[in-house]
């Protein structure tokens, strides 16, 4: 095989990489709309039995993004998240308090 043909075969793929245009980067998705938890809307659930189904309803009705269960005698972090609803319950699984944060 001719050395010139081999050199040409090696250079041609590199020629495609030399363009004046910058590489196109994907556009990041727009940030999600902030979701503020509304604890006042779910206070009627206090006293009911904590269940996964009820938790899903609380998240929906509070317009929250996440749910954090607070079992009795449990330590919880103090970080505040405006899109999170906290549901505390007692040993009998009765909801004792609902708050945001």
C-alpha atoms as a PDB file:
ATOM      1  CA  UNK A   1       0.000   0.000   0.000  1.00  0.00           C
ATOM      2  CA  UNK A   2       1.244   3.455  -0.865  1.00  0.00           C
ATOM      3  CA  UNK A   3       2.350   5.576   2.111  1.00  0.00           C
ATOM      4  CA  UNK A   4       0.591   8.634   0.652  1.00  0.00           C
ATOM      5  CA  UNK A   5      -2.721   6.789   0.527  1.00  0.00           C
ATOM      6  CA  UNK A   6      -2.267   5.681   4.123  1.00  0.00           C
ATOM      7  CA  UNK A   7      -1.487   9.253   5.253  1.00  0.00           C
ATOM      8  CA  UNK A   8      -4.522  10.569   3.379  1.00  0.00           C
ATOM      9  CA  UNK A   9      -6.738   7.966   5.034  1.00  0.00           C
ATOM     10  CA  UNK A  10      -5.463   9.070   8.453  1.00  0.00           C
ATOM     11  CA  UNK A  11      -5.952  12.812   7.800  1.00  0.00           C
ATOM     12  CA  UNK A  12      -9.439  12.775   6.252  1.00  0.00           C
ATOM     13  CA  UNK A  13     -11.345  11.933   9.470  1.00  0.00           C
ATOM     14  CA  UNK A  14      -9.521  14.757  11.268  1.00  0.00           C
ATOM     15  CA  UNK A  15     -10.557  17.261   8.596  1.00  0.00           C
ATOM     16  CA  UNK A  16     -14.194  16.755   9.563  1.00  0.00           C
ATOM     17  CA  UNK A  17     -13.408  17.961  13.100  1.00  0.00           C
ATOM     18  CA  UNK A  18     -12.077  21.344  12.023  1.00  0.00           C
ATOM     19  CA  UNK A  19     -15.083  23.587  11.675  1.00  0.00           C
ATOM     20  CA  UNK A  20     -15.823  27.179  12.530  1.00  0.00           C
ATOM     21  CA  UNK A  21     -18.932  26.281  14.500  1.00  0.00           C
ATOM     22  CA  UNK A  22     -18.886  25.533  18.197  1.00  0.00           C
ATOM     23  CA  UNK A  23     -20.311  22.174  19.196  1.00  0.00           C
ATOM     24  CA  UNK A  24     -24.013  22.264  19.856  1.00  0.00           C
ATOM     25  CA  UNK A  25     -24.801  21.591  23.494  1.00  0.00           C
ATOM     26  CA  UNK A  26     -28.241  20.425  24.547  1.00  0.00           C
ATOM     27  CA  UNK A  27     -30.409  23.111  26.078  1.00  0.00           C
ATOM     28  CA  UNK A  28     -30.976  22.416  29.767  1.00  0.00           C
ATOM     29  CA  UNK A  29     -34.603  21.958  30.767  1.00  0.00           C
ATOM     30  CA  UNK A  30     -36.254  24.963  32.374  1.00  0.00           C
ATOM     31  CA  UNK A  31     -36.252  24.908  36.158  1.00  0.00           C
ATOM     32  CA  UNK A  32     -39.343  23.393  37.669  1.00  0.00           C
ATOM     33  CA  UNK A  33     -41.813  25.849  39.052  1.00  0.00           C
ATOM     34  CA  UNK A  34     -41.357  26.210  42.784  1.00  0.00           C
ATOM     35  CA  UNK A  35     -43.907  24.332  44.804  1.00  0.00           C
ATOM     36  CA  UNK A  36     -44.808  25.806  48.150  1.00  0.00           C
ATOM     37  CA  UNK A  37     -46.272  23.478  50.735  1.00  0.00           C
ATOM     38  CA  UNK A  38     -49.627  24.580  52.158  1.00  0.00           C
ATOM     39  CA  UNK A  39     -49.976  23.007  55.614  1.00  0.00           C
ATOM     40  CA  UNK A  40     -53.223  24.854  56.345  1.00  0.00           C
ATOM     41  CA  UNK A  41     -54.919  22.892  53.566  1.00  0.00           C
ATOM     42  CA  UNK A  42     -54.238  19.517  55.231  1.00  0.00           C
ATOM     43  CA  UNK A  43     -54.870  20.108  58.927  1.00  0.00           C
ATOM     44  CA  UNK A  44     -58.102  18.112  58.635  1.00  0.00           C
ATOM     45  CA  UNK A  45     -55.971  14.951  58.374  1.00  0.00           C
ATOM     46  CA  UNK A  46     -54.673  15.336  61.952  1.00  0.00           C
ATOM     47  CA  UNK A  47     -56.129  12.497  64.033  1.00  0.00           C
ATOM     48  CA  UNK A  48     -56.444  10.094  61.113  1.00  0.00           C
ATOM     49  CA  UNK A  49     -54.393   6.920  60.762  1.00  0.00           C
ATOM     50  CA  UNK A  50     -51.164   7.351  58.817  1.00  0.00           C
ATOM     51  CA  UNK A  51     -51.128   5.170  55.692  1.00  0.00           C
ATOM     52  CA  UNK A  52     -49.251   5.401  52.388  1.00  0.00           C
ATOM     53  CA  UNK A  53     -52.514   6.268  50.631  1.00  0.00           C
ATOM     54  CA  UNK A  54     -53.262   9.073  53.088  1.00  0.00           C
ATOM     55  CA  UNK A  55     -49.693  10.324  52.712  1.00  0.00           C
ATOM     56  CA  UNK A  56     -50.191  10.596  48.940  1.00  0.00           C
ATOM     57  CA  UNK A  57     -53.402  12.591  49.492  1.00  0.00           C
ATOM     58  CA  UNK A  58     -51.645  14.896  51.952  1.00  0.00           C
ATOM     59  CA  UNK A  59     -48.854  15.601  49.462  1.00  0.00           C
ATOM     60  CA  UNK A  60     -51.399  16.361  46.745  1.00  0.00           C
ATOM     61  CA  UNK A  61     -53.660  18.513  48.919  1.00  0.00           C
ATOM     62  CA  UNK A  62     -50.716  20.400  50.447  1.00  0.00           C
ATOM     63  CA  UNK A  63     -49.336  20.988  46.936  1.00  0.00           C
ATOM     64  CA  UNK A  64     -45.978  19.683  48.159  1.00  0.00           C
ATOM     65  CA  UNK A  65     -43.361  17.792  46.201  1.00  0.00           C
ATOM     66  CA  UNK A  66     -42.186  15.477  48.933  1.00  0.00           C
ATOM     67  CA  UNK A  67     -43.451  13.889  52.111  1.00  0.00           C
ATOM     68  CA  UNK A  68     -41.462  13.238  55.262  1.00  0.00           C
ATOM     69  CA  UNK A  69     -42.963  10.935  57.858  1.00  0.00           C
ATOM     70  CA  UNK A  70     -42.077  11.688  61.480  1.00  0.00           C
ATOM     71  CA  UNK A  71     -42.339   8.519  63.553  1.00  0.00           C
ATOM     72  CA  UNK A  72     -42.500   8.820  67.341  1.00  0.00           C
ATOM     73  CA  UNK A  73     -39.187   9.406  69.156  1.00  0.00           C
ATOM     74  CA  UNK A  74     -37.281   9.978  65.909  1.00  0.00           C
ATOM     75  CA  UNK A  75     -34.629  12.557  65.207  1.00  0.00           C
ATOM     76  CA  UNK A  76     -35.190  14.680  62.124  1.00  0.00           C
ATOM     77  CA  UNK A  77     -32.860  17.012  60.312  1.00  0.00           C
ATOM     78  CA  UNK A  78     -33.466  20.726  60.686  1.00  0.00           C
ATOM     79  CA  UNK A  79     -33.054  21.553  57.007  1.00  0.00           C
ATOM     80  CA  UNK A  80     -35.964  23.581  55.681  1.00  0.00           C
ATOM     81  CA  UNK A  81     -37.566  22.760  52.343  1.00  0.00           C
ATOM     82  CA  UNK A  82     -40.538  24.843  51.316  1.00  0.00           C
ATOM     83  CA  UNK A  83     -41.766  22.066  49.022  1.00  0.00           C
ATOM     84  CA  UNK A  84     -41.908  19.352  51.706  1.00  0.00           C
ATOM     85  CA  UNK A  85     -44.768  18.386  53.999  1.00  0.00           C
ATOM     86  CA  UNK A  86     -43.908  16.748  57.344  1.00  0.00           C
ATOM     87  CA  UNK A  87     -46.389  14.358  58.922  1.00  0.00           C
ATOM     88  CA  UNK A  88     -45.765  13.337  62.528  1.00  0.00           C
ATOM     89  CA  UNK A  89     -47.621  10.407  64.064  1.00  0.00           C
ATOM     90  CA  UNK A  90     -47.769   8.543  67.382  1.00  0.00           C
ATOM     91  CA  UNK A  91     -47.299   4.881  68.346  1.00  0.00           C
ATOM     92  CA  UNK A  92     -50.852   4.097  67.195  1.00  0.00           C
ATOM     93  CA  UNK A  93     -50.094   5.637  63.760  1.00  0.00           C
ATOM     94  CA  UNK A  94     -52.451   8.543  64.467  1.00  0.00           C
ATOM     95  CA  UNK A  95     -51.312  11.756  62.812  1.00  0.00           C
ATOM     96  CA  UNK A  96     -50.477  14.297  65.526  1.00  0.00           C
ATOM     97  CA  UNK A  97     -49.052  17.183  63.519  1.00  0.00           C
ATOM     98  CA  UNK A  98     -48.627  18.337  59.904  1.00  0.00           C
ATOM     99  CA  UNK A  99     -46.223  21.108  58.952  1.00  0.00           C
ATOM    100  CA  UNK A 100     -44.145  22.296  56.039  1.00  0.00           C
ATOM    101  CA  UNK A 101     -40.416  22.448  55.868  1.00  0.00           C
END
